[in-house]
Amino acid sequence: MEITWLGHACFRIRGRDTTVLTDPCPPTTGYRIGRVTADLVTVSNDGPESNYRQAVTGDTKFIEAAGEYEIGGVLISGARTDRAANEDEGRVRNIAFVMDIDDIIVCHLGSISQVPSTDDVERLSGADVLLVPVGGGRGLDAVRAAETVNLLEPRLVIPMQFKTDAATGELDPLDRFLKEMGAEGKQPEPKLSVTRSTIPANTTVLVLGYRGQ
């Protein structure tokens, strides 16, 4: 399985037979993801930064609600985890998706802004790869992201939604999260290629550079 970060909360996850795209983001986020071919697209919330359908090509199935799905050999479970965008807007729908691709469990937390509840931990814990927002804004900040990682106990942690040279949003830089995780100085990798046998035994932070970085 191969994971590439396209920017913000958007990842392309290529399995042997199926390609999944998460939260396609528009150019207004600062990231130009181009045209991406995907079999499945997960949309965690209704915000424009996560639902840029114009970027998607192919015979694509969009999944944007909680529930259980099996498409193209991929098992997907969507769990609703409401987020509070601000006091005026109140609580806004957010779906975290857990995907079984090539016998590897990937959890994409969307724009979750609250540390997971006990019920959420039961549904989201134990992933091989956790894609977690760390830069604040509408998602978790560094401290809450680190607490979430400790609760969910994934093997690989890939941060998303943080300040980069390209990002236009008001987000915190990545180094705050890396400090919380004791992973200072991590350098970005162009992509993650992982198999069942290469998953680390202990929780490990992996930084991906966005495509074009």
N, C-alpha and C. Protein backbone atom coordinates (compact mmCIF):
# COMPACT_ATOMS: atom_id res chain seq x y z
N MET A 1 0.84 -1.19 0.00
CA MET A 1 0.00 0.00 0.00
C MET A 1 0.88 1.25 0.00
N GLU A 2 0.42 2.26 -0.73
CA GLU A 2 1.19 3.50 -0.82
C GLU A 2 0.30 4.69 -0.44
N ILE A 3 0.84 5.56 0.42
CA ILE A 3 0.11 6.75 0.86
C ILE A 3 0.89 7.99 0.47
N THR A 4 0.23 8.91 -0.22
CA THR A 4 0.82 10.18 -0.62
C THR A 4 -0.04 11.31 -0.07
N TRP A 5 0.60 12.31 0.54
CA TRP A 5 -0.13 13.48 1.04
C TRP A 5 -0.21 14.52 -0.06
N LEU A 6 -1.43 14.89 -0.41
CA LEU A 6 -1.65 15.90 -1.47
C LEU A 6 -1.86 17.29 -0.89
N GLY A 7 -1.98 17.39 0.45
CA GLY A 7 -2.17 18.68 1.09
C GLY A 7 -3.40 18.71 1.98
N HIS A 8 -3.35 19.53 3.03
CA HIS A 8 -4.42 19.69 4.00
C HIS A 8 -4.80 18.31 4.57
N ALA A 9 -6.03 17.84 4.37
CA ALA A 9 -6.43 16.52 4.86
C ALA A 9 -6.59 15.52 3.73
N CYS A 10 -6.00 15.83 2.58
CA CYS A 10 -6.18 15.02 1.37
C CYS A 10 -5.00 14.07 1.19
N PHE A 11 -5.31 12.78 1.16
CA PHE A 11 -4.32 11.73 0.90
C PHE A 11 -4.82 10.84 -0.22
N ARG A 12 -3.88 10.37 -1.02
CA ARG A 12 -4.17 9.30 -1.99
C ARG A 12 -3.59 8.01 -1.42
N ILE A 13 -4.47 7.01 -1.26
CA ILE A 13 -4.08 5.73 -0.68
C ILE A 13 -4.28 4.68 -1.76
N ARG A 14 -3.18 4.14 -2.25
CA ARG A 14 -3.23 3.16 -3.33
C ARG A 14 -3.02 1.75 -2.79
N GLY A 15 -4.05 0.93 -2.93
CA GLY A 15 -3.92 -0.48 -2.62
C GLY A 15 -3.63 -1.27 -3.88
N ARG A 16 -3.58 -2.58 -3.75
CA ARG A 16 -3.31 -3.42 -4.92
C ARG A 16 -4.36 -3.23 -6.01
N ASP A 17 -5.63 -3.12 -5.60
CA ASP A 17 -6.71 -3.09 -6.57
C ASP A 17 -7.55 -1.81 -6.52
N THR A 18 -7.41 -1.03 -5.46
CA THR A 18 -8.32 0.10 -5.25
C THR A 18 -7.53 1.32 -4.78
N THR A 19 -7.91 2.49 -5.30
CA THR A 19 -7.33 3.75 -4.85
C THR A 19 -8.38 4.56 -4.11
N VAL A 20 -8.03 5.00 -2.90
CA VAL A 20 -8.92 5.82 -2.07
C VAL A 20 -8.35 7.22 -1.98
N LEU A 21 -9.21 8.22 -2.09
CA LEU A 21 -8.83 9.62 -1.90
C LEU A 21 -9.61 10.15 -0.70
N THR A 22 -8.92 10.85 0.20
CA THR A 22 -9.59 11.40 1.37
C THR A 22 -9.71 12.91 1.25
N ASP A 23 -10.84 13.46 1.61
CA ASP A 23 -11.06 14.91 1.75
C ASP A 23 -10.38 15.75 0.66
N PRO A 24 -10.79 15.60 -0.60
CA PRO A 24 -10.16 16.40 -1.67
C PRO A 24 -10.29 17.90 -1.38
N CYS A 25 -9.18 18.62 -1.45
CA CYS A 25 -9.17 20.03 -1.05
C CYS A 25 -9.03 20.94 -2.26
N PRO A 26 -9.64 22.13 -2.21
CA PRO A 26 -9.61 23.08 -3.33
C PRO A 26 -8.35 23.93 -3.32
N PRO A 27 -8.07 24.63 -4.40
CA PRO A 27 -6.90 25.51 -4.45
C PRO A 27 -6.92 26.60 -3.40
N THR A 28 -8.09 26.96 -2.87
CA THR A 28 -8.15 28.01 -1.84
C THR A 28 -7.41 27.62 -0.56
N THR A 29 -7.15 26.32 -0.36
CA THR A 29 -6.38 25.88 0.80
C THR A 29 -4.88 26.14 0.60
N GLY A 30 -4.50 26.48 -0.62
CA GLY A 30 -3.09 26.65 -0.95
C GLY A 30 -2.49 25.46 -1.67
N TYR A 31 -3.24 24.37 -1.72
CA TYR A 31 -2.75 23.14 -2.36
C TYR A 31 -3.49 22.90 -3.67
N ARG A 32 -2.75 22.64 -4.71
CA ARG A 32 -3.35 22.33 -6.02
C ARG A 32 -3.12 20.85 -6.28
N ILE A 33 -4.15 20.06 -6.04
CA ILE A 33 -3.99 18.61 -6.13
C ILE A 33 -4.17 18.09 -7.54
N GLY A 34 -4.57 18.97 -8.46
CA GLY A 34 -4.74 18.55 -9.85
C GLY A 34 -5.96 17.67 -10.02
N ARG A 35 -5.90 16.78 -11.00
CA ARG A 35 -6.97 15.82 -11.25
C ARG A 35 -6.51 14.47 -10.76
N VAL A 36 -7.27 13.88 -9.86
CA VAL A 36 -6.86 12.64 -9.22
C VAL A 36 -7.87 11.54 -9.55
N THR A 37 -7.38 10.41 -10.05
CA THR A 37 -8.23 9.27 -10.32
C THR A 37 -8.37 8.43 -9.07
N ALA A 38 -9.60 8.13 -8.69
CA ALA A 38 -9.83 7.36 -7.47
C ALA A 38 -11.08 6.50 -7.63
N ASP A 39 -11.05 5.34 -6.99
CA ASP A 39 -12.22 4.46 -6.97
C ASP A 39 -13.18 4.87 -5.86
N LEU A 40 -12.62 5.30 -4.72
CA LEU A 40 -13.41 5.72 -3.56
C LEU A 40 -12.92 7.05 -3.07
N VAL A 41 -13.85 7.89 -2.62
CA VAL A 41 -13.49 9.16 -1.99
C VAL A 41 -14.25 9.26 -0.69
N THR A 42 -13.52 9.50 0.41
CA THR A 42 -14.16 9.74 1.70
C THR A 42 -14.19 11.24 1.96
N VAL A 43 -15.34 11.72 2.42
CA VAL A 43 -15.54 13.15 2.72
C VAL A 43 -15.95 13.25 4.18
N SER A 44 -15.08 13.83 5.01
CA SER A 44 -15.31 13.80 6.45
C SER A 44 -16.28 14.86 6.93
N ASN A 45 -16.42 15.96 6.16
CA ASN A 45 -17.33 17.01 6.58
C ASN A 45 -17.77 17.82 5.37
N ASP A 46 -18.74 18.71 5.58
CA ASP A 46 -19.34 19.45 4.49
C ASP A 46 -18.57 20.71 4.11
N GLY A 47 -17.49 21.01 4.82
CA GLY A 47 -16.73 22.20 4.52
C GLY A 47 -16.10 22.15 3.14
N PRO A 48 -15.96 23.28 2.47
CA PRO A 48 -15.40 23.30 1.13
C PRO A 48 -13.96 22.80 1.07
N GLU A 49 -13.24 22.86 2.19
CA GLU A 49 -11.85 22.41 2.19
C GLU A 49 -11.72 20.89 2.15
N SER A 50 -12.84 20.18 2.25
CA SER A 50 -12.80 18.72 2.30
C SER A 50 -13.66 18.04 1.24
N ASN A 51 -14.25 18.81 0.35
CA ASN A 51 -15.25 18.23 -0.55
C ASN A 51 -15.13 18.83 -1.96
N TYR A 52 -13.90 18.90 -2.48
CA TYR A 52 -13.65 19.48 -3.80
C TYR A 52 -13.77 18.39 -4.87
N ARG A 53 -14.99 18.09 -5.23
CA ARG A 53 -15.27 16.98 -6.13
C ARG A 53 -14.74 17.21 -7.54
N GLN A 54 -14.55 18.47 -7.90
CA GLN A 54 -14.06 18.77 -9.24
C GLN A 54 -12.69 18.17 -9.52
N ALA A 55 -11.96 17.85 -8.48
CA ALA A 55 -10.61 17.30 -8.66
C ALA A 55 -10.60 15.80 -8.94
N VAL A 56 -11.74 15.14 -8.80
CA VAL A 56 -11.79 13.68 -8.85
C VAL A 56 -12.23 13.21 -10.23
N THR A 57 -11.50 12.24 -10.76
CA THR A 57 -11.86 11.63 -12.03
C THR A 57 -12.03 10.13 -11.84
N GLY A 58 -12.66 9.51 -12.82
CA GLY A 58 -12.86 8.06 -12.78
C GLY A 58 -14.27 7.70 -12.35
N ASP A 59 -14.54 6.41 -12.33
CA ASP A 59 -15.83 5.88 -11.88
C ASP A 59 -15.77 5.79 -10.36
N THR A 60 -16.17 6.86 -9.71
CA THR A 60 -15.85 7.06 -8.29
C THR A 60 -17.09 6.94 -7.41
N LYS A 61 -16.91 6.30 -6.26
CA LYS A 61 -17.93 6.23 -5.23
C LYS A 61 -17.55 7.18 -4.10
N PHE A 62 -18.45 8.11 -3.76
CA PHE A 62 -18.21 9.05 -2.66
C PHE A 62 -18.88 8.52 -1.39
N ILE A 63 -18.15 8.53 -0.29
CA ILE A 63 -18.68 8.10 1.00
C ILE A 63 -18.58 9.29 1.95
N GLU A 64 -19.71 9.75 2.46
CA GLU A 64 -19.72 10.95 3.30
C GLU A 64 -20.66 10.83 4.48
N ALA A 65 -20.96 9.61 4.89
CA ALA A 65 -21.85 9.40 6.02
C ALA A 65 -21.33 8.25 6.87
N ALA A 66 -21.72 8.25 8.13
CA ALA A 66 -21.36 7.16 9.02
C ALA A 66 -22.01 5.87 8.53
N GLY A 67 -21.37 4.75 8.82
CA GLY A 67 -21.91 3.46 8.41
C GLY A 67 -20.81 2.50 8.03
N GLU A 68 -21.23 1.31 7.57
CA GLU A 68 -20.30 0.27 7.15
C GLU A 68 -20.41 0.08 5.64
N TYR A 69 -19.25 -0.01 4.98
CA TYR A 69 -19.22 -0.12 3.52
C TYR A 69 -18.18 -1.16 3.12
N GLU A 70 -18.45 -1.83 2.00
CA GLU A 70 -17.46 -2.69 1.37
C GLU A 70 -17.52 -2.44 -0.13
N ILE A 71 -16.47 -1.83 -0.65
CA ILE A 71 -16.44 -1.43 -2.06
C ILE A 71 -15.07 -1.76 -2.62
N GLY A 72 -15.05 -2.50 -3.71
CA GLY A 72 -13.79 -2.81 -4.36
C GLY A 72 -12.81 -3.55 -3.48
N GLY A 73 -13.32 -4.37 -2.58
CA GLY A 73 -12.45 -5.12 -1.68
C GLY A 73 -11.96 -4.33 -0.49
N VAL A 74 -12.41 -3.08 -0.34
CA VAL A 74 -12.02 -2.24 0.78
C VAL A 74 -13.16 -2.17 1.78
N LEU A 75 -12.87 -2.48 3.04
CA LEU A 75 -13.85 -2.35 4.11
C LEU A 75 -13.68 -0.98 4.75
N ILE A 76 -14.77 -0.22 4.87
CA ILE A 76 -14.72 1.12 5.43
C ILE A 76 -15.80 1.26 6.49
N SER A 77 -15.40 1.82 7.63
CA SER A 77 -16.35 2.13 8.70
C SER A 77 -16.26 3.63 8.98
N GLY A 78 -17.39 4.31 8.88
CA GLY A 78 -17.44 5.74 9.16
C GLY A 78 -18.10 5.99 10.50
N ALA A 79 -17.43 6.73 11.38
CA ALA A 79 -17.94 7.02 12.72
C ALA A 79 -18.10 8.52 12.89
N ARG A 80 -19.28 8.95 13.29
CA ARG A 80 -19.52 10.38 13.46
C ARG A 80 -18.84 10.88 14.74
N THR A 81 -18.05 11.93 14.59
CA THR A 81 -17.39 12.57 15.73
C THR A 81 -17.59 14.07 15.58
N ASP A 82 -18.69 14.59 16.12
CA ASP A 82 -19.02 16.01 15.94
C ASP A 82 -17.86 16.89 16.35
N ARG A 83 -17.70 18.00 15.63
CA ARG A 83 -16.64 18.94 15.97
C ARG A 83 -17.25 20.29 16.25
N ALA A 84 -16.63 21.05 17.10
CA ALA A 84 -17.06 22.41 17.40
C ALA A 84 -16.17 23.37 16.65
N ALA A 85 -16.67 23.99 15.58
CA ALA A 85 -15.86 24.91 14.79
C ALA A 85 -15.61 26.19 15.57
N ASN A 86 -16.64 26.77 16.17
CA ASN A 86 -16.49 27.88 17.11
C ASN A 86 -17.81 28.03 17.85
N GLU A 87 -17.84 28.91 18.82
CA GLU A 87 -19.02 29.01 19.68
C GLU A 87 -20.25 29.48 18.91
N ASP A 88 -20.05 30.25 17.84
CA ASP A 88 -21.18 30.75 17.08
C ASP A 88 -21.79 29.66 16.21
N GLU A 89 -20.93 28.84 15.58
CA GLU A 89 -21.43 27.82 14.67
C GLU A 89 -21.92 26.58 15.40
N GLY A 90 -21.43 26.39 16.63
CA GLY A 90 -21.84 25.21 17.37
C GLY A 90 -21.15 23.97 16.83
N ARG A 91 -21.82 22.85 16.92
CA ARG A 91 -21.22 21.59 16.54
C ARG A 91 -21.49 21.30 15.07
N VAL A 92 -20.43 20.86 14.38
CA VAL A 92 -20.50 20.61 12.95
C VAL A 92 -20.16 19.15 12.69
N ARG A 93 -20.87 18.54 11.76
CA ARG A 93 -20.68 17.12 11.47
C ARG A 93 -19.25 16.82 11.05
N ASN A 94 -18.67 15.75 11.61
CA ASN A 94 -17.38 15.24 11.16
C ASN A 94 -17.43 13.72 11.22
N ILE A 95 -16.94 13.08 10.17
CA ILE A 95 -16.89 11.63 10.11
C ILE A 95 -15.44 11.19 10.08
N ALA A 96 -15.06 10.31 10.99
CA ALA A 96 -13.76 9.65 10.94
C ALA A 96 -13.93 8.31 10.23
N PHE A 97 -13.03 8.00 9.33
CA PHE A 97 -13.14 6.77 8.55
C PHE A 97 -12.01 5.80 8.88
N VAL A 98 -12.38 4.55 9.12
CA VAL A 98 -11.43 3.47 9.33
C VAL A 98 -11.52 2.55 8.12
N MET A 99 -10.38 2.33 7.45
CA MET A 99 -10.35 1.58 6.20
C MET A 99 -9.41 0.39 6.30
N ASP A 100 -9.86 -0.75 5.81
CA ASP A 100 -9.02 -1.95 5.73
C ASP A 100 -8.63 -2.12 4.26
N ILE A 101 -7.37 -1.78 3.96
CA ILE A 101 -6.86 -1.84 2.60
C ILE A 101 -5.64 -2.75 2.59
N ASP A 102 -5.68 -3.81 1.82
CA ASP A 102 -4.55 -4.75 1.73
C ASP A 102 -4.14 -5.25 3.11
N ASP A 103 -5.13 -5.50 3.98
CA ASP A 103 -4.89 -6.01 5.33
C ASP A 103 -4.14 -5.02 6.21
N ILE A 104 -4.21 -3.73 5.87
CA ILE A 104 -3.64 -2.67 6.69
C ILE A 104 -4.77 -1.73 7.07
N ILE A 105 -4.88 -1.39 8.35
CA ILE A 105 -5.96 -0.55 8.85
C ILE A 105 -5.48 0.90 8.87
N VAL A 106 -6.19 1.75 8.14
CA VAL A 106 -5.89 3.18 8.08
C VAL A 106 -7.07 3.94 8.69
N CYS A 107 -6.78 4.85 9.61
CA CYS A 107 -7.82 5.69 10.22
C CYS A 107 -7.55 7.14 9.86
N HIS A 108 -8.52 7.77 9.19
CA HIS A 108 -8.45 9.19 8.84
C HIS A 108 -9.44 9.92 9.73
N LEU A 109 -8.93 10.81 10.58
CA LEU A 109 -9.78 11.44 11.59
C LEU A 109 -10.55 12.65 11.08
N GLY A 110 -10.35 13.05 9.82
CA GLY A 110 -11.05 14.23 9.32
C GLY A 110 -10.61 15.47 10.08
N SER A 111 -11.56 16.35 10.35
CA SER A 111 -11.25 17.59 11.06
C SER A 111 -11.73 17.53 12.51
N ILE A 112 -11.57 16.39 13.12
CA ILE A 112 -11.95 16.24 14.52
C ILE A 112 -11.21 17.28 15.37
N SER A 113 -11.93 17.94 16.26
CA SER A 113 -11.32 18.98 17.10
C SER A 113 -11.37 18.65 18.58
N GLN A 114 -12.06 17.55 18.92
CA GLN A 114 -12.16 17.14 20.32
C GLN A 114 -11.37 15.84 20.51
N VAL A 115 -10.72 15.70 21.66
CA VAL A 115 -10.11 14.42 21.98
C VAL A 115 -11.21 13.36 21.98
N PRO A 116 -10.99 12.21 21.35
CA PRO A 116 -12.06 11.21 21.22
C PRO A 116 -12.65 10.79 22.56
N SER A 117 -13.95 10.61 22.55
CA SER A 117 -14.65 10.11 23.73
C SER A 117 -14.34 8.62 23.90
N THR A 118 -14.80 8.07 25.01
CA THR A 118 -14.60 6.64 25.25
C THR A 118 -15.19 5.81 24.13
N ASP A 119 -16.39 6.16 23.67
CA ASP A 119 -17.01 5.43 22.57
C ASP A 119 -16.20 5.56 21.30
N ASP A 120 -15.70 6.77 21.04
CA ASP A 120 -14.89 6.99 19.84
C ASP A 120 -13.61 6.16 19.88
N VAL A 121 -12.99 6.09 21.05
CA VAL A 121 -11.75 5.32 21.18
C VAL A 121 -12.00 3.86 20.82
N GLU A 122 -13.11 3.31 21.25
CA GLU A 122 -13.43 1.92 20.93
C GLU A 122 -13.56 1.71 19.43
N ARG A 123 -14.10 2.70 18.74
CA ARG A 123 -14.34 2.56 17.30
C ARG A 123 -13.10 2.87 16.46
N LEU A 124 -12.19 3.69 16.98
CA LEU A 124 -11.10 4.22 16.16
C LEU A 124 -9.72 3.72 16.56
N SER A 125 -9.60 2.99 17.65
CA SER A 125 -8.27 2.63 18.16
C SER A 125 -7.68 1.45 17.41
N GLY A 126 -6.35 1.33 17.55
CA GLY A 126 -5.65 0.16 17.03
C GLY A 126 -5.35 0.17 15.56
N ALA A 127 -5.42 1.35 14.91
CA ALA A 127 -5.11 1.41 13.48
C ALA A 127 -3.61 1.21 13.25
N ASP A 128 -3.27 0.67 12.10
CA ASP A 128 -1.87 0.58 11.72
C ASP A 128 -1.34 1.96 11.33
N VAL A 129 -2.17 2.75 10.66
CA VAL A 129 -1.80 4.10 10.22
C VAL A 129 -2.88 5.08 10.65
N LEU A 130 -2.49 6.11 11.39
CA LEU A 130 -3.43 7.15 11.84
C LEU A 130 -3.08 8.46 11.15
N LEU A 131 -4.06 9.05 10.45
CA LEU A 131 -3.92 10.35 9.80
C LEU A 131 -4.64 11.35 10.68
N VAL A 132 -3.88 12.26 11.32
CA VAL A 132 -4.42 13.07 12.41
C VAL A 132 -4.14 14.55 12.19
N PRO A 133 -5.16 15.42 12.35
CA PRO A 133 -4.91 16.87 12.28
C PRO A 133 -4.14 17.33 13.50
N VAL A 134 -3.18 18.25 13.30
CA VAL A 134 -2.32 18.65 14.42
C VAL A 134 -2.14 20.16 14.53
N GLY A 135 -2.65 20.94 13.58
CA GLY A 135 -2.33 22.36 13.52
C GLY A 135 -3.38 23.31 14.05
N GLY A 136 -4.38 22.79 14.77
CA GLY A 136 -5.41 23.67 15.29
C GLY A 136 -6.39 24.10 14.21
N GLY A 137 -6.85 25.36 14.29
CA GLY A 137 -7.90 25.79 13.36
C GLY A 137 -9.16 25.02 13.64
N ARG A 138 -9.69 24.34 12.64
CA ARG A 138 -10.90 23.53 12.83
C ARG A 138 -10.60 22.13 13.35
N GLY A 139 -9.33 21.76 13.42
CA GLY A 139 -8.97 20.43 13.89
C GLY A 139 -8.21 20.48 15.19
N LEU A 140 -7.70 19.33 15.60
CA LEU A 140 -6.94 19.22 16.85
C LEU A 140 -5.69 20.09 16.80
N ASP A 141 -5.34 20.68 17.96
CA ASP A 141 -4.04 21.33 18.07
C ASP A 141 -3.02 20.28 18.50
N ALA A 142 -1.77 20.71 18.67
CA ALA A 142 -0.68 19.77 18.92
C ALA A 142 -0.89 18.97 20.20
N VAL A 143 -1.31 19.64 21.27
CA VAL A 143 -1.47 18.96 22.56
C VAL A 143 -2.59 17.92 22.48
N ARG A 144 -3.73 18.31 21.91
CA ARG A 144 -4.85 17.38 21.81
C ARG A 144 -4.56 16.26 20.82
N ALA A 145 -3.81 16.57 19.77
CA ALA A 145 -3.44 15.54 18.81
C ALA A 145 -2.56 14.48 19.46
N ALA A 146 -1.59 14.92 20.26
CA ALA A 146 -0.72 13.97 20.96
C ALA A 146 -1.52 13.12 21.95
N GLU A 147 -2.47 13.74 22.64
CA GLU A 147 -3.32 12.99 23.57
C GLU A 147 -4.15 11.97 22.81
N THR A 148 -4.65 12.36 21.65
CA THR A 148 -5.44 11.45 20.83
C THR A 148 -4.61 10.26 20.37
N VAL A 149 -3.38 10.51 19.94
CA VAL A 149 -2.48 9.42 19.54
C VAL A 149 -2.28 8.45 20.70
N ASN A 150 -2.07 8.97 21.88
CA ASN A 150 -1.85 8.10 23.05
C ASN A 150 -3.08 7.25 23.35
N LEU A 151 -4.27 7.81 23.12
CA LEU A 151 -5.50 7.06 23.37
C LEU A 151 -5.74 5.98 22.31
N LEU A 152 -5.45 6.30 21.04
CA LEU A 152 -5.79 5.40 19.94
C LEU A 152 -4.71 4.36 19.66
N GLU A 153 -3.48 4.61 20.09
CA GLU A 153 -2.38 3.65 20.01
C GLU A 153 -2.17 3.08 18.61
N PRO A 154 -1.99 3.93 17.60
CA PRO A 154 -1.68 3.43 16.26
C PRO A 154 -0.21 3.01 16.18
N ARG A 155 0.16 2.35 15.08
CA ARG A 155 1.57 1.99 14.86
C ARG A 155 2.31 3.14 14.15
N LEU A 156 1.69 3.70 13.13
CA LEU A 156 2.28 4.81 12.39
C LEU A 156 1.36 6.02 12.50
N VAL A 157 1.94 7.19 12.75
CA VAL A 157 1.18 8.43 12.87
C VAL A 157 1.64 9.38 11.78
N ILE A 158 0.71 9.83 10.96
CA ILE A 158 1.02 10.80 9.90
C ILE A 158 0.23 12.07 10.19
N PRO A 159 0.90 13.18 10.50
CA PRO A 159 0.20 14.44 10.78
C PRO A 159 -0.32 15.10 9.52
N MET A 160 -1.40 15.86 9.66
CA MET A 160 -1.98 16.61 8.54
C MET A 160 -2.54 17.92 9.09
N GLN A 161 -3.00 18.79 8.20
CA GLN A 161 -3.62 20.07 8.56
C GLN A 161 -2.74 20.89 9.50
N PHE A 162 -1.54 21.20 9.04
CA PHE A 162 -0.64 22.08 9.78
C PHE A 162 -0.07 23.12 8.81
N LYS A 163 0.59 24.13 9.35
CA LYS A 163 1.12 25.21 8.54
C LYS A 163 2.27 24.74 7.67
N THR A 164 2.19 25.04 6.38
CA THR A 164 3.29 24.81 5.44
C THR A 164 3.48 26.08 4.62
N ASP A 165 4.48 26.08 3.76
CA ASP A 165 4.70 27.23 2.88
C ASP A 165 3.53 27.45 1.94
N ALA A 166 2.79 26.38 1.66
CA ALA A 166 1.67 26.48 0.73
C ALA A 166 0.35 26.83 1.40
N ALA A 167 0.16 26.39 2.64
CA ALA A 167 -1.14 26.50 3.29
C ALA A 167 -1.57 27.95 3.48
N THR A 168 -2.83 28.22 3.20
CA THR A 168 -3.38 29.56 3.37
C THR A 168 -4.11 29.72 4.70
N GLY A 169 -4.48 28.64 5.35
CA GLY A 169 -5.22 28.73 6.60
C GLY A 169 -4.35 29.13 7.77
N GLU A 170 -5.00 29.62 8.83
CA GLU A 170 -4.30 29.99 10.05
C GLU A 170 -4.09 28.75 10.91
N LEU A 171 -2.96 28.08 10.68
CA LEU A 171 -2.66 26.83 11.35
C LEU A 171 -1.32 26.94 12.07
N ASP A 172 -1.14 26.08 13.06
CA ASP A 172 0.13 26.03 13.79
C ASP A 172 1.15 25.21 13.00
N PRO A 173 2.43 25.49 13.20
CA PRO A 173 3.46 24.71 12.51
C PRO A 173 3.57 23.30 13.08
N LEU A 174 4.16 22.42 12.29
CA LEU A 174 4.27 21.01 12.65
C LEU A 174 5.15 20.78 13.86
N ASP A 175 6.16 21.62 14.06
CA ASP A 175 7.14 21.34 15.11
C ASP A 175 6.52 21.28 16.51
N ARG A 176 5.39 21.92 16.72
CA ARG A 176 4.73 21.85 18.03
C ARG A 176 4.25 20.42 18.32
N PHE A 177 3.68 19.79 17.31
CA PHE A 177 3.23 18.40 17.48
C PHE A 177 4.42 17.46 17.62
N LEU A 178 5.45 17.66 16.81
CA LEU A 178 6.62 16.80 16.91
C LEU A 178 7.25 16.88 18.29
N LYS A 179 7.26 18.07 18.88
CA LYS A 179 7.80 18.22 20.23
C LYS A 179 6.96 17.45 21.23
N GLU A 180 5.63 17.54 21.10
CA GLU A 180 4.74 16.82 22.01
C GLU A 180 4.96 15.31 21.92
N MET A 181 5.33 14.84 20.72
CA MET A 181 5.51 13.40 20.49
C MET A 181 6.95 12.96 20.71
N GLY A 182 7.84 13.89 21.06
CA GLY A 182 9.25 13.53 21.21
C GLY A 182 9.88 13.12 19.91
N ALA A 183 9.45 13.74 18.82
CA ALA A 183 9.92 13.36 17.48
C ALA A 183 10.49 14.56 16.74
N GLU A 184 11.14 15.47 17.47
CA GLU A 184 11.69 16.67 16.85
C GLU A 184 12.69 16.31 15.76
N GLY A 185 12.70 17.16 14.71
CA GLY A 185 13.68 16.99 13.65
C GLY A 185 13.30 16.00 12.57
N LYS A 186 12.10 15.42 12.64
CA LYS A 186 11.66 14.50 11.59
C LYS A 186 11.63 15.21 10.25
N GLN A 187 12.21 14.61 9.24
CA GLN A 187 12.23 15.18 7.90
C GLN A 187 11.14 14.54 7.05
N PRO A 188 10.51 15.31 6.16
CA PRO A 188 9.42 14.76 5.36
C PRO A 188 9.88 13.73 4.34
N GLU A 189 9.07 12.70 4.19
CA GLU A 189 9.28 11.68 3.17
C GLU A 189 8.29 11.94 2.03
N PRO A 190 8.65 11.57 0.80
CA PRO A 190 7.74 11.84 -0.33
C PRO A 190 6.46 11.01 -0.29
N LYS A 191 6.54 9.81 0.28
CA LYS A 191 5.37 8.94 0.37
C LYS A 191 5.67 7.82 1.35
N LEU A 192 4.63 7.11 1.74
CA LEU A 192 4.78 5.94 2.59
C LEU A 192 4.42 4.71 1.78
N SER A 193 5.34 3.77 1.70
CA SER A 193 5.07 2.45 1.13
C SER A 193 5.16 1.45 2.27
N VAL A 194 4.08 0.74 2.54
CA VAL A 194 4.03 -0.11 3.72
C VAL A 194 3.31 -1.42 3.39
N THR A 195 3.79 -2.49 4.01
CA THR A 195 3.13 -3.78 3.94
C THR A 195 2.89 -4.25 5.37
N ARG A 196 2.14 -5.34 5.48
CA ARG A 196 1.85 -5.88 6.81
C ARG A 196 3.14 -6.16 7.59
N SER A 197 4.16 -6.63 6.88
CA SER A 197 5.40 -7.05 7.55
C SER A 197 6.31 -5.88 7.91
N THR A 198 6.08 -4.69 7.34
CA THR A 198 6.97 -3.56 7.61
C THR A 198 6.38 -2.55 8.60
N ILE A 199 5.22 -2.83 9.14
CA ILE A 199 4.62 -1.93 10.13
C ILE A 199 5.43 -1.98 11.42
N PRO A 200 5.83 -0.84 11.97
CA PRO A 200 6.64 -0.86 13.20
C PRO A 200 5.86 -1.40 14.39
N ALA A 201 6.60 -1.95 15.35
CA ALA A 201 5.96 -2.54 16.53
C ALA A 201 5.45 -1.47 17.48
N ASN A 202 6.14 -0.34 17.54
CA ASN A 202 5.77 0.73 18.46
C ASN A 202 5.32 1.97 17.68
N THR A 203 4.56 2.84 18.34
CA THR A 203 4.04 4.05 17.69
C THR A 203 5.19 4.90 17.15
N THR A 204 5.13 5.21 15.86
CA THR A 204 6.18 5.95 15.17
C THR A 204 5.56 7.08 14.37
N VAL A 205 6.12 8.27 14.48
CA VAL A 205 5.64 9.42 13.70
C VAL A 205 6.36 9.44 12.36
N LEU A 206 5.60 9.59 11.28
CA LEU A 206 6.15 9.73 9.94
C LEU A 206 5.60 11.01 9.33
N VAL A 207 6.48 11.89 8.87
CA VAL A 207 6.07 13.14 8.24
C VAL A 207 6.12 12.96 6.73
N LEU A 208 5.02 13.28 6.06
CA LEU A 208 4.99 13.26 4.62
C LEU A 208 5.04 14.68 4.08
N GLY A 209 5.84 14.90 3.05
CA GLY A 209 5.80 16.16 2.34
C GLY A 209 4.65 16.18 1.37
N TYR A 210 4.00 17.31 1.19
CA TYR A 210 2.90 17.37 0.24
C TYR A 210 3.46 17.33 -1.17
N ARG A 211 2.67 16.78 -2.08
CA ARG A 211 3.12 16.67 -3.47
C ARG A 211 3.42 18.06 -4.02
N GLY A 212 4.60 18.23 -4.59
CA GLY A 212 5.00 19.52 -5.10
C GLY A 212 5.90 20.26 -4.14
N GLN A 213 6.06 19.75 -2.91
CA GLN A 213 6.94 20.40 -1.93
C GLN A 213 8.39 20.25 -2.33
